[in-house]
Protein backbone atom coordinates (compact mmCIF):
# COMPACT_ATOMS: atom_id res chain seq x y z
CA MET A 1 0.00 0.00 0.00
CA ALA A 2 2.85 2.35 0.87
CA ASP A 3 4.54 1.61 -2.47
CA GLU A 4 1.33 2.49 -4.33
CA THR A 5 1.07 5.81 -2.48
CA LYS A 6 4.68 6.66 -3.32
CA GLN A 7 4.03 5.84 -7.00
CA GLN A 8 1.02 8.16 -7.07
CA GLN A 9 3.05 10.93 -5.44
CA SER A 10 5.80 10.51 -8.03
CA LEU A 11 3.31 10.74 -10.89
CA GLN A 12 1.76 13.88 -9.39
CA GLN A 13 5.20 15.49 -9.05
CA LEU A 14 5.96 14.67 -12.72
CA LYS A 15 2.61 16.14 -13.75
CA ASP A 16 3.31 19.33 -11.79
CA ILE A 17 6.66 19.69 -13.57
CA VAL A 18 5.37 19.03 -17.10
CA GLN A 19 2.07 20.90 -16.95
CA PRO A 20 3.52 24.47 -17.07
CA TYR A 21 5.54 23.60 -20.18
CA PHE A 22 2.49 22.04 -21.83
CA GLU A 23 0.47 25.17 -21.07
CA VAL A 24 3.13 27.37 -22.66
CA PHE A 25 3.17 25.08 -25.74
CA ARG A 26 -0.63 25.18 -25.96
CA LEU A 27 -0.76 28.96 -25.84
CA TYR A 28 2.03 29.23 -28.41
CA MET A 29 0.26 26.91 -30.87
CA ASN A 30 -3.02 28.77 -30.41
CA ASP A 31 -1.26 32.05 -31.18
CA LEU A 32 0.16 30.54 -34.38
CA CYS A 33 -3.26 29.39 -35.51
CA GLU A 34 -4.99 32.68 -34.62
CA GLY A 35 -6.53 34.26 -37.70
CA PHE A 36 -6.74 31.00 -39.66
CA GLU A 37 -9.98 29.25 -40.45
CA PRO A 38 -10.29 25.52 -39.64
CA TRP A 39 -10.18 24.46 -43.33
CA GLN A 40 -6.91 26.32 -43.76
CA ILE A 41 -5.38 24.52 -40.76
CA ILE A 42 -6.51 21.17 -42.21
CA ILE A 43 -5.00 21.93 -45.64
CA VAL A 44 -1.68 23.06 -44.14
CA THR A 45 -1.54 19.97 -41.91
CA PHE A 46 -2.29 17.66 -44.84
CA GLY A 47 0.28 19.37 -47.08
CA LEU A 48 2.95 19.23 -44.40
CA THR A 49 2.25 15.53 -43.84
CA VAL A 50 2.63 14.81 -47.57
CA VAL A 51 5.93 16.72 -47.67
CA LEU A 52 7.29 14.86 -44.64
CA VAL A 53 6.31 11.46 -46.07
CA TRP A 54 7.94 12.34 -49.41
CA LEU A 55 11.05 13.56 -47.61
CA LYS A 56 11.26 10.33 -45.60
CA GLU A 57 10.96 8.19 -48.76
CA PHE A 58 13.49 10.38 -50.57
CA LEU A 59 16.09 10.24 -47.82
CA PHE A 60 15.68 6.63 -46.67
CA GLN A 61 16.10 4.44 -49.75
CA ASP A 62 18.23 1.38 -50.53
CA GLU A 63 20.79 3.61 -52.23
CA SER A 64 22.48 6.48 -50.47
CA LEU A 65 21.70 10.06 -51.42
CA LEU A 66 25.20 10.35 -52.88
CA GLU A 67 24.74 7.31 -55.14
CA ARG A 68 21.40 8.59 -56.38
CA ALA A 69 22.88 12.01 -57.01
CA LYS A 70 25.68 10.44 -59.08
CA LYS A 71 23.17 8.44 -61.13
CA PHE A 72 21.02 11.52 -61.66
CA PHE A 73 24.07 13.47 -62.82
CA PHE A 74 25.35 10.81 -65.22
CA ARG A 75 21.85 10.12 -66.57
CA ASN A 76 21.44 13.78 -67.52
CA VAL A 77 24.99 14.15 -68.86
CA ARG A 78 24.39 11.17 -71.15
CA ARG A 79 21.41 13.01 -72.67
CA LEU A 80 23.70 15.63 -74.14
CA PRO A 81 23.78 15.01 -77.92
CA MET A 82 27.58 14.90 -78.18
CA VAL A 83 27.97 12.58 -75.17
CA LYS A 84 25.07 10.40 -76.28
CA ALA A 85 26.54 9.96 -79.75
CA ARG A 86 30.00 9.13 -78.39
CA ILE A 87 28.67 6.53 -75.96
CA ALA A 88 26.49 4.94 -78.65
CA ALA A 89 29.52 4.68 -80.93
CA GLU A 90 31.67 3.09 -78.22
CA ILE A 91 28.97 0.59 -77.28
CA GLU A 92 28.47 -0.36 -80.92
CA LYS A 93 32.22 -0.81 -81.31
CA THR A 94 32.28 -3.02 -78.22
CA ARG A 95 29.37 -5.05 -79.54
CA ASN A 96 31.08 -5.57 -82.89
CA ASP A 97 34.39 -6.52 -81.23
CA VAL A 98 32.66 -9.06 -78.99
CA GLU A 99 30.72 -10.64 -81.84
CA ASP A 100 33.82 -10.67 -84.02
CA ASN A 101 35.70 -12.46 -81.25
CA PHE A 102 32.96 -15.06 -80.80
CA ASN A 103 32.68 -15.54 -84.54
CA LYS A 104 36.47 -15.69 -84.97
CA GLY A 105 36.55 -12.91 -87.50
CA GLY A 106 33.69 -14.31 -89.57
CA THR A 107 35.29 -17.71 -90.12
CA ILE A 108 32.48 -19.55 -88.28
CA THR A 109 29.24 -20.37 -90.08
CA TYR A 110 25.98 -21.11 -88.32
CA MET A 111 22.97 -23.36 -88.67
CA LYS A 112 20.04 -20.94 -88.67
CA HIS A 113 17.18 -23.16 -89.80
CA LEU A 114 16.12 -26.70 -89.07
CA PRO A 115 17.52 -29.15 -91.63
CA LYS A 116 14.95 -30.14 -94.23
CA GLN A 117 15.81 -33.72 -93.38
CA GLY A 118 17.32 -34.86 -90.09
CA LEU A 119 20.99 -35.77 -90.13
CA SER A 120 22.17 -39.34 -89.87
CA GLN A 121 24.00 -40.35 -86.72
CA GLU A 122 27.27 -40.48 -88.66
CA LYS A 123 26.88 -36.92 -89.97
CA LEU A 124 25.60 -35.69 -86.62
CA PHE A 125 28.62 -36.89 -84.66
CA ARG A 126 31.00 -35.70 -87.33
CA LEU A 127 29.41 -32.27 -86.99
CA ILE A 128 29.68 -32.42 -83.20
CA GLU A 129 33.39 -33.18 -83.52
CA ASP A 130 33.76 -30.11 -85.75
CA TYR A 131 32.11 -27.99 -83.05
CA ARG A 132 34.47 -29.33 -80.40
CA GLN A 133 37.43 -28.03 -82.40
CA LEU A 134 36.32 -24.45 -81.68
CA ALA A 135 37.81 -24.53 -78.16
CA ASP A 136 41.11 -22.68 -77.75
CA VAL A 137 41.89 -23.48 -74.10
CA ASN A 138 43.14 -26.98 -73.33
CA TRP A 139 41.46 -27.61 -69.99
CA GLU A 140 42.56 -31.26 -70.02
CA LYS A 141 46.12 -30.09 -69.35
CA GLY A 142 45.08 -28.08 -66.29
CA HIS A 143 45.34 -24.69 -67.99
CA CYS A 144 42.04 -23.39 -66.58
CA SER A 145 41.27 -21.82 -63.25
CA GLY A 146 38.40 -23.89 -61.86
CA THR A 147 35.89 -24.56 -64.70
CA VAL A 148 36.47 -28.34 -64.93
CA TYR A 149 37.12 -29.87 -61.53
CA SER A 150 37.88 -33.50 -62.37
CA GLY A 151 37.97 -34.58 -66.01
CA ASP A 152 38.66 -38.18 -64.97
CA PRO A 153 37.76 -40.40 -67.98
CA VAL A 154 36.40 -43.23 -65.80
CA LEU A 155 34.12 -40.81 -63.95
CA THR A 156 33.06 -39.32 -67.27
CA ASP A 157 32.12 -42.77 -68.55
CA ILE A 158 30.10 -43.52 -65.40
CA ALA A 159 28.26 -40.20 -65.52
CA THR A 160 27.36 -40.52 -69.21
CA LYS A 161 26.06 -44.08 -68.77
CA VAL A 162 23.96 -43.14 -65.76
CA TYR A 163 22.70 -40.03 -67.56
CA GLY A 164 21.60 -42.19 -70.47
CA ILE A 165 19.64 -44.54 -68.21
CA PHE A 166 17.71 -41.66 -66.62
CA ALA A 167 17.61 -39.31 -69.65
CA TRP A 168 13.80 -39.04 -69.66
CA SER A 169 13.21 -38.84 -65.90
CA ASN A 170 11.77 -35.78 -64.15
CA PRO A 171 11.85 -35.32 -60.34
CA LEU A 172 8.71 -33.15 -60.59
CA HIS A 173 6.81 -36.42 -61.03
CA SER A 174 8.09 -38.29 -57.99
CA ASP A 175 5.28 -40.84 -58.28
CA VAL A 176 6.44 -41.79 -61.77
CA PHE A 177 10.16 -41.73 -60.96
CA PRO A 178 10.55 -43.02 -57.37
CA ASP A 179 14.12 -44.11 -58.16
CA VAL A 180 15.24 -40.53 -58.83
CA ARG A 181 13.32 -39.29 -55.79
CA LYS A 182 15.24 -41.76 -53.62
CA MET A 183 18.57 -40.71 -55.13
CA GLU A 184 17.88 -37.03 -54.52
CA ALA A 185 16.86 -37.68 -50.92
CA GLU A 186 20.08 -39.63 -50.36
CA VAL A 187 22.25 -36.91 -51.92
CA VAL A 188 20.71 -34.34 -49.57
CA ARG A 189 21.07 -36.58 -46.50
CA MET A 190 24.69 -37.42 -47.30
CA CYS A 191 25.44 -33.70 -47.64
CA CYS A 192 23.65 -32.86 -44.38
CA ASN A 193 25.80 -35.42 -42.58
CA MET A 194 28.97 -34.07 -44.26
CA PHE A 195 28.20 -30.70 -42.68
CA HIS A 196 27.35 -32.23 -39.27
CA GLY A 197 23.63 -31.62 -39.53
CA GLY A 198 21.37 -33.12 -36.88
CA PRO A 199 18.49 -35.53 -37.49
CA ASP A 200 16.18 -32.60 -38.31
CA SER A 201 18.54 -31.10 -40.89
CA CYS A 202 17.24 -31.12 -44.44
CA GLY A 203 17.59 -29.53 -47.86
CA ASN A 204 17.05 -29.79 -51.59
CA MET A 205 19.01 -30.18 -54.78
CA THR A 206 19.14 -27.20 -57.15
CA SER A 207 20.54 -26.41 -60.58
CA GLY A 208 23.68 -24.74 -59.21
CA GLY A 209 25.15 -22.44 -56.60
CA THR A 210 23.21 -19.39 -57.73
CA GLU A 211 19.87 -21.13 -57.28
CA SER A 212 20.97 -22.50 -53.90
CA ILE A 213 21.80 -18.98 -52.75
CA LEU A 214 18.56 -17.60 -54.21
CA MET A 215 16.58 -20.21 -52.30
CA ALA A 216 18.25 -19.38 -48.99
CA CYS A 217 17.59 -15.65 -49.50
CA LYS A 218 13.96 -16.27 -50.45
CA THR A 219 13.55 -18.46 -47.38
CA PHE A 220 14.81 -15.85 -44.93
CA ARG A 221 12.93 -13.05 -46.66
CA ASP A 222 9.65 -14.93 -46.18
CA ARG A 223 10.59 -15.73 -42.59
CA ALA A 224 11.18 -12.00 -42.03
CA TYR A 225 7.78 -11.17 -43.53
CA GLU A 226 6.11 -13.53 -41.08
CA LYS A 227 7.93 -11.83 -38.20
CA GLY A 228 6.49 -8.49 -39.31
CA ILE A 229 9.60 -7.14 -41.06
CA LYS A 230 8.27 -5.23 -44.08
CA PHE A 231 11.60 -4.26 -45.61
CA PRO A 232 14.07 -7.14 -45.06
CA GLU A 233 17.80 -6.51 -45.26
CA MET A 234 20.69 -8.94 -45.58
CA LEU A 235 24.26 -8.26 -44.51
CA VAL A 236 26.74 -9.66 -47.01
CA PRO A 237 30.56 -9.36 -47.26
CA VAL A 238 31.68 -7.40 -50.32
CA THR A 239 33.58 -10.54 -51.35
CA ALA A 240 30.48 -12.77 -51.19
CA HIS A 241 29.20 -14.22 -54.46
CA ALA A 242 27.25 -11.89 -56.75
CA ALA A 243 24.32 -14.34 -56.54
CA PHE A 244 23.36 -12.53 -53.32
CA ASP A 245 23.01 -9.31 -55.32
CA LYS A 246 20.89 -11.20 -57.85
CA ALA A 247 18.70 -12.50 -55.02
CA ALA A 248 18.35 -8.98 -53.60
CA HIS A 249 17.25 -7.74 -57.02
CA ALA A 250 14.84 -10.63 -57.68
CA PHE A 251 13.25 -10.84 -54.22
CA ARG A 252 13.24 -7.16 -53.27
CA ILE A 253 15.62 -7.54 -50.35
CA LYS A 254 17.85 -4.64 -49.37
CA ILE A 255 21.48 -5.73 -49.44
CA LYS A 256 24.17 -4.11 -47.29
CA HIS A 257 27.73 -4.92 -48.34
CA ILE A 258 30.04 -5.26 -45.37
CA PRO A 259 33.73 -4.37 -45.92
CA VAL A 260 36.57 -6.85 -45.50
CA ASP A 261 39.89 -6.39 -43.77
CA SER A 262 42.41 -5.15 -46.35
CA PHE A 263 45.08 -7.54 -45.06
CA THR A 264 43.23 -10.74 -44.16
CA MET A 265 40.43 -10.24 -46.72
CA GLN A 266 37.98 -11.60 -44.13
CA VAL A 267 34.70 -9.82 -43.49
CA ASP A 268 34.85 -7.18 -40.75
CA VAL A 269 32.61 -8.71 -38.07
CA ASP A 270 32.52 -5.48 -36.04
CA ALA A 271 31.23 -3.62 -39.10
CA MET A 272 28.65 -6.37 -39.61
CA LYS A 273 27.52 -6.02 -35.99
CA LYS A 274 27.11 -2.24 -36.36
CA ALA A 275 25.04 -2.75 -39.54
CA ILE A 276 22.48 -5.00 -37.81
CA SER A 277 19.05 -3.42 -37.51
CA ARG A 278 15.51 -4.56 -36.73
CA ASN A 279 15.11 -5.24 -40.48
CA THR A 280 18.09 -7.61 -40.79
CA CYS A 281 16.79 -10.95 -42.07
CA MET A 282 20.08 -12.84 -42.58
CA LEU A 283 23.85 -12.69 -42.12
CA VAL A 284 26.23 -14.22 -44.68
CA GLY A 285 29.72 -15.67 -44.53
CA SER A 286 31.79 -17.47 -47.19
CA ALA A 287 33.60 -20.77 -46.68
CA PRO A 288 35.63 -19.92 -48.67
CA GLY A 289 35.02 -16.76 -50.73
CA PHE A 290 35.36 -16.91 -54.50
CA PRO A 291 37.76 -13.98 -55.12
CA HIS A 292 40.72 -14.88 -52.88
CA GLY A 293 39.80 -18.22 -51.33
CA ILE A 294 39.56 -16.79 -47.82
CA MET A 295 37.42 -18.36 -45.09
CA ASP A 296 35.31 -15.74 -43.31
CA PRO A 297 35.21 -15.94 -39.49
CA ILE A 298 32.05 -18.05 -39.43
CA GLU A 299 32.28 -18.70 -35.67
CA GLU A 300 32.07 -14.97 -34.93
CA ILE A 301 29.23 -14.46 -37.41
CA SER A 302 27.41 -17.41 -35.82
CA LYS A 303 27.67 -15.73 -32.40
CA LEU A 304 26.06 -12.60 -33.86
CA GLY A 305 23.27 -14.74 -35.29
CA VAL A 306 22.59 -16.35 -31.92
CA LYS A 307 22.76 -13.07 -30.01
CA TYR A 308 20.37 -11.19 -32.28
CA ASP A 309 18.23 -14.17 -33.40
CA ILE A 310 19.20 -13.70 -37.07
CA PRO A 311 19.71 -16.65 -39.46
CA VAL A 312 23.28 -17.18 -40.69
CA HIS A 313 23.88 -18.54 -44.19
CA VAL A 314 27.26 -20.08 -45.01
CA ASP A 315 28.04 -20.01 -48.71
CA SER A 316 30.26 -23.02 -49.37
CA CYS A 317 29.34 -23.38 -53.03
CA LEU A 318 32.98 -23.30 -54.11
CA GLY A 319 34.59 -25.38 -51.37
CA GLY A 320 31.61 -27.45 -50.26
CA PHE A 321 33.24 -30.77 -51.10
CA LEU A 322 36.68 -29.79 -49.79
CA VAL A 323 36.14 -28.10 -46.42
CA PRO A 324 34.14 -30.99 -44.87
CA PHE A 325 37.05 -33.35 -45.54
CA MET A 326 40.00 -31.11 -44.65
CA ASP A 327 40.28 -32.28 -41.04
CA LYS A 328 40.60 -35.91 -42.10
CA ALA A 329 42.95 -34.90 -44.92
CA GLY A 330 45.34 -33.34 -42.39
CA PHE A 331 44.37 -29.66 -42.77
CA PRO A 332 42.18 -28.78 -39.75
CA LEU A 333 39.76 -25.86 -39.99
CA ALA A 334 37.81 -23.97 -37.35
CA PRO A 335 34.13 -25.06 -37.22
CA PHE A 336 32.09 -23.46 -39.99
CA ASP A 337 29.00 -25.67 -40.40
CA PHE A 338 25.96 -26.92 -38.45
CA ARG A 339 28.19 -27.58 -35.44
CA LEU A 340 27.83 -23.85 -34.80
CA PRO A 341 24.46 -23.01 -33.23
CA GLY A 342 23.99 -19.87 -35.31
CA VAL A 343 24.48 -21.51 -38.71
CA THR A 344 21.02 -21.93 -40.18
CA SER A 345 21.72 -22.80 -43.83
CA ILE A 346 24.56 -23.86 -46.13
CA SER A 347 24.92 -23.86 -49.92
CA ALA A 348 27.35 -26.31 -51.54
CA ASP A 349 27.94 -27.25 -55.17
CA THR A 350 28.06 -30.93 -56.00
CA HIS A 351 29.17 -30.03 -59.53
CA LYS A 352 32.43 -28.44 -58.41
CA TYR A 353 34.61 -30.45 -56.03
CA GLY A 354 31.83 -33.01 -55.72
CA TYR A 355 32.85 -33.84 -59.33
CA ALA A 356 29.24 -34.38 -60.48
CA PRO A 357 28.18 -33.17 -63.95
CA LYS A 358 27.30 -29.49 -64.24
CA GLY A 359 23.86 -28.44 -63.09
CA SER A 360 23.70 -29.69 -59.51
CA SER A 361 24.04 -28.12 -56.07
CA VAL A 362 22.42 -28.40 -52.65
CA VAL A 363 20.91 -25.92 -50.21
CA LEU A 364 20.77 -27.26 -46.66
CA TYR A 365 18.94 -26.11 -43.51
CA SER A 366 19.50 -26.87 -39.85
CA ASN A 367 15.84 -27.82 -39.38
CA LYS A 368 12.71 -28.54 -41.40
CA ASN A 369 10.68 -25.64 -40.01
CA ILE A 370 13.00 -23.18 -41.74
CA ARG A 371 12.82 -24.98 -45.08
CA LEU A 372 9.03 -24.49 -45.17
CA TYR A 373 9.63 -20.84 -46.11
CA GLN A 374 11.48 -21.98 -49.24
CA TYR A 375 8.49 -23.80 -50.75
CA PHE A 376 6.10 -22.39 -53.32
CA VAL A 377 2.50 -23.64 -53.39
CA ALA A 378 -0.36 -22.50 -55.66
CA PRO A 379 -3.36 -24.25 -54.07
CA ASP A 380 -6.04 -22.70 -56.32
CA TRP A 381 -4.60 -23.30 -59.80
CA PRO A 382 -7.20 -24.86 -62.16
CA GLY A 383 -4.52 -27.29 -63.33
CA GLY A 384 -4.31 -28.80 -59.88
CA ILE A 385 -2.34 -27.98 -56.73
CA TYR A 386 1.05 -26.81 -57.97
CA ALA A 387 3.95 -27.05 -55.53
CA THR A 388 7.72 -26.93 -55.92
CA ALA A 389 10.54 -26.90 -53.40
CA THR A 390 12.88 -24.78 -55.57
CA LEU A 391 12.61 -22.36 -58.49
CA ALA A 392 12.34 -24.99 -61.20
CA GLY A 393 9.30 -27.05 -62.04
CA SER A 394 10.50 -29.81 -64.33
CA ARG A 395 14.11 -30.80 -63.73
CA ALA A 396 16.57 -33.21 -65.29
CA GLY A 397 16.40 -36.40 -63.27
CA ALA A 398 19.48 -37.57 -65.15
CA ILE A 399 21.51 -34.85 -63.41
CA VAL A 400 20.26 -36.04 -60.02
CA ALA A 401 21.12 -39.65 -60.87
CA ALA A 402 24.57 -38.75 -62.23
CA CYS A 403 25.29 -36.69 -59.09
CA TRP A 404 24.23 -39.58 -56.84
CA ALA A 405 26.32 -42.05 -58.83
CA THR A 406 29.37 -39.76 -58.66
CA MET A 407 29.17 -39.33 -54.89
CA VAL A 408 28.61 -43.04 -54.24
CA TYR A 409 31.41 -44.02 -56.63
CA ILE A 410 33.97 -41.65 -55.06
CA GLY A 411 32.98 -42.18 -51.43
CA GLU A 412 34.32 -40.45 -48.32
CA GLN A 413 37.88 -41.75 -48.68
CA GLY A 414 37.98 -40.68 -52.31
CA TYR A 415 36.98 -37.14 -51.34
CA ILE A 416 39.54 -37.10 -48.54
CA ASN A 417 42.26 -38.18 -50.97
CA SER A 418 41.32 -35.60 -53.61
CA THR A 419 41.09 -32.88 -50.95
CA ARG A 420 44.60 -33.74 -49.73
CA GLN A 421 45.98 -33.57 -53.28
CA ILE A 422 44.31 -30.23 -54.03
CA ILE A 423 45.31 -28.54 -50.76
CA GLN A 424 48.91 -29.71 -51.10
CA THR A 425 49.04 -28.42 -54.68
CA ARG A 426 47.50 -25.10 -53.66
CA GLN A 427 50.12 -24.74 -50.92
CA TYR A 428 52.90 -25.56 -53.37
CA ILE A 429 51.71 -23.00 -55.93
CA GLU A 430 51.06 -20.39 -53.23
CA ASP A 431 54.60 -20.78 -51.84
CA GLY A 432 55.99 -20.47 -55.36
CA LEU A 433 54.01 -17.31 -56.12
CA ARG A 434 55.13 -15.66 -52.87
CA GLN A 435 58.76 -16.12 -53.95
CA ILE A 436 58.30 -14.39 -57.32
CA GLU A 437 59.53 -10.81 -57.33
CA GLY A 438 56.76 -8.32 -58.06
CA LEU A 439 53.87 -10.50 -56.84
CA PHE A 440 52.04 -10.90 -53.55
CA VAL A 441 49.26 -13.23 -52.39
CA TYR A 442 46.10 -11.88 -50.76
CA GLY A 443 45.52 -12.98 -47.16
CA LYS A 444 46.08 -16.56 -46.07
CA PRO A 445 44.23 -18.91 -48.43
CA SER A 446 43.22 -22.09 -46.67
CA VAL A 447 41.35 -24.03 -49.34
CA SER A 448 41.84 -24.17 -53.13
CA VAL A 449 41.92 -20.59 -54.43
CA ILE A 450 44.96 -18.30 -54.58
CA GLY A 451 44.36 -14.60 -55.28
CA PHE A 452 47.42 -12.58 -56.20
CA GLY A 453 48.31 -9.07 -57.31
CA SER A 454 51.22 -6.68 -57.74
CA LEU A 455 52.33 -3.31 -56.42
CA ASP A 456 54.88 -2.95 -59.22
CA PHE A 457 52.82 -3.38 -62.40
CA ASN A 458 49.32 -3.84 -63.72
CA ILE A 459 48.45 -7.42 -62.75
CA TYR A 460 46.17 -7.74 -65.77
CA ARG A 461 49.26 -7.61 -67.99
CA LEU A 462 50.34 -10.88 -66.39
CA SER A 463 46.89 -12.35 -66.92
CA ASP A 464 46.91 -11.35 -70.60
CA MET A 465 50.40 -12.73 -71.14
CA LEU A 466 49.43 -16.05 -69.56
CA THR A 467 46.31 -16.12 -71.74
CA SER A 468 48.51 -15.81 -74.81
CA LYS A 469 50.36 -18.90 -73.58
CA GLY A 470 47.15 -20.93 -73.27
CA TRP A 471 46.28 -20.34 -69.60
CA ASN A 472 42.86 -19.13 -68.44
CA LEU A 473 42.80 -17.34 -65.06
CA ASN A 474 40.01 -15.41 -63.35
CA ALA A 475 40.36 -11.62 -63.45
CA LEU A 476 39.13 -9.84 -60.30
CA GLN A 477 38.50 -6.20 -59.44
CA PHE A 478 38.33 -3.91 -56.41
CA PRO A 479 41.22 -4.55 -55.85
CA SER A 480 42.84 -5.42 -59.17
CA SER A 481 43.95 -9.03 -58.96
CA VAL A 482 43.70 -12.46 -60.53
CA HIS A 483 43.20 -15.89 -59.05
CA LEU A 484 43.89 -19.51 -59.76
CA CYS A 485 41.33 -22.05 -58.57
CA VAL A 486 43.21 -25.32 -58.13
CA THR A 487 41.44 -28.48 -59.32
CA LEU A 488 42.38 -32.14 -59.67
CA LEU A 489 43.78 -31.33 -63.10
CA HIS A 490 46.43 -29.11 -61.48
CA THR A 491 47.55 -31.99 -59.26
CA LYS A 492 48.78 -33.98 -62.25
CA PRO A 493 52.60 -34.34 -62.45
CA GLY A 494 54.33 -31.25 -63.80
CA VAL A 495 51.27 -28.97 -64.10
CA ALA A 496 52.00 -26.83 -61.00
CA ASP A 497 55.69 -26.49 -61.90
CA HIS A 498 54.80 -25.56 -65.47
CA PHE A 499 52.38 -22.88 -64.24
CA LEU A 500 54.94 -21.36 -61.84
CA GLN A 501 57.61 -21.39 -64.54
CA GLU A 502 55.31 -19.51 -66.94
CA VAL A 503 54.40 -16.98 -64.24
CA ARG A 504 58.09 -16.38 -63.41
CA GLN A 505 59.00 -15.83 -67.04
CA CYS A 506 56.06 -13.52 -67.73
CA THR A 507 56.60 -11.50 -64.55
CA ALA A 508 60.32 -11.08 -65.30
CA ALA A 509 59.46 -9.83 -68.79
CA ILE A 510 56.88 -7.37 -67.44
CA LEU A 511 59.28 -5.99 -64.81
CA LYS A 512 61.65 -4.90 -67.57
CA ASP A 513 59.05 -2.24 -68.41
CA PRO A 514 56.56 -2.22 -65.52
CA ASN A 515 54.80 0.95 -66.65
CA ALA A 516 54.07 -0.18 -70.18
CA LYS A 517 50.55 0.29 -71.48
CA CYS A 518 48.19 -2.57 -70.83
CA GLY A 519 45.99 -4.01 -73.57
CA GLY A 520 43.51 -6.88 -73.89
CA MET A 521 41.66 -7.89 -70.74
CA GLY A 522 43.86 -5.56 -68.69
CA ALA A 523 42.68 -2.54 -70.63
CA ILE A 524 39.05 -3.65 -70.35
CA TYR A 525 39.18 -4.24 -66.58
CA GLY A 526 41.23 -1.14 -65.99
CA MET A 527 38.75 0.98 -67.90
CA ALA A 528 35.76 -0.71 -66.24
CA GLN A 529 37.08 0.04 -62.75
CA SER A 530 37.78 3.68 -63.59
CA ILE A 531 34.34 4.49 -65.04
CA PRO A 532 32.31 6.27 -62.35
CA ASP A 533 29.04 5.67 -64.22
CA ARG A 534 28.54 1.98 -63.41
CA SER A 535 25.45 1.76 -65.64
CA LEU A 536 27.77 2.30 -68.59
CA VAL A 537 29.84 -0.69 -67.49
CA SER A 538 26.63 -2.74 -67.35
CA GLU A 539 25.76 -1.70 -70.90
CA MET A 540 29.15 -2.84 -72.12
CA VAL A 541 28.67 -6.19 -70.39
CA HIS A 542 25.28 -6.45 -72.10
CA CYS A 543 27.21 -6.50 -75.38
CA PHE A 544 29.06 -9.60 -74.18
CA LEU A 545 25.84 -11.32 -73.10
CA ASP A 546 24.25 -10.49 -76.44
CA GLY A 547 27.31 -11.88 -78.18
CA THR A 548 26.90 -15.31 -76.58
CA THR A 549 23.80 -15.91 -78.74
CA SER A 550 25.14 -14.19 -81.85
CA THR A 551 24.98 -16.21 -85.07
CA GLY A 552 26.97 -13.79 -87.15
CA PRO A 553 25.78 -10.97 -89.44
CA SER A 554 22.06 -10.97 -90.19
CA THR A 555 22.85 -10.90 -93.92
CA SER A 556 24.39 -14.37 -93.78
CA ASN A 557 23.35 -16.75 -96.56
CA MET A 558 23.39 -19.78 -94.27
CA THR A 559 20.03 -21.51 -94.72
CA ASN A 560 18.44 -24.95 -94.60
CA GLY A 561 20.70 -26.04 -91.76
CA SER A 562 23.85 -25.89 -93.85
CA THR A 563 27.09 -25.02 -92.09
CA HIS A 564 29.36 -25.18 -95.10
């Protein structure tokens, strides 16, 4: 009773303090409104509300005010007749150069119409062999970064035979193809166990890493909607795969790119923590990241996820069939998977170091309740209840079967052995690169990728020179660098030594004139990074994408399926 009396006294004291100020405010507002009619007050109030709402929407958008100002400026500058004409000419030149490169200077002819009569098997396979001669890069010799991860002829034979058996199967019709359904379920369960998932862990197969990432983002967006978050945001390292940007664009999720440490190239966890808001729907870490092969501090990100009740997605698309086996291969890693309480989902590509044919990946979840947000169901469609677990409807069951056959054929010990070979080769090449004058390696790679650059010359000159010698590396930007993704092909005798020898020779030649002008890919990447109007860079890339489906000049006389 005494406590209640004290509370009432406290409230009365607060009222006595506030009331004089309220009275002053009331009199002041009445003085401001004196002389105005009620309708005028209503109109002013309504107009002010509209202005404030507009101002809020203008100031608080996905893009900063500075970025929008830059876009507004460049958009209007590009409308100037002289600038517009110059840009159009440059884009047309780029388009022509790209198509000319794809068409090898007009020496390639195309089949533009169906043959009047179908080709015989003999002619068909002879034509296919002609097409195969178009390739310039000899990936069989290990001259590619990533791209082909095995190339083993025995595995190729197994995959093609299995593919043939299941060529007409479709997992969408699980009642018709129970064999493929069983294989897919087993692939997912084997992967869950690889990543130390519990009995309630689950997942699905997808067409590749991008779809796996898209599915995870869609899942956590829908989870956020259910929790009342109207404008979900995801926090993603700047080095994370661009599929997260694609997901943000497709699913209307705001993406915040978190910086990485300039020395370690790991995501700055403190910056990620500061970026967390009530709208954050997921945190992302890479294991490892594509650009430089660096493992993000997943343990620290997991702790953030637990503390703030935010799902954590680990993108292991690149190293998903290496990192689970590194401990047993003799290269221990800090926990990065479902052993960490904050890790909610993982993406891993079976078609990379899982050595399955292209077109397969998995997205995994720590429990089945989370996966429910991934599903799409149309219960009222006149064609029946339509439901899919992933983006695709019909899928190639042959890919599922070939993936299953690959994993079962290789087995755990096979993956441990291949992991050991790849990590040892990566270490050998990394050590060799660090000893080459003029080069440095980014961070401390722990898996299969080595990112390297130079403070003495334009690193793209090295990339171009190696390209001229038949090598195909990945060019990176922000910062300027290139990387080699080590595969089983690089573990073959002599391949690593041959690569290091070529790099030494090319670097020594470049250092004789380190400031020489850069051409080829170096010029393209250098220009792309220096253009402040990023929409112009996108337009130039559109020329490349258009070129991939180019069939030569429209005036070509190729008809009736003839290629000669």
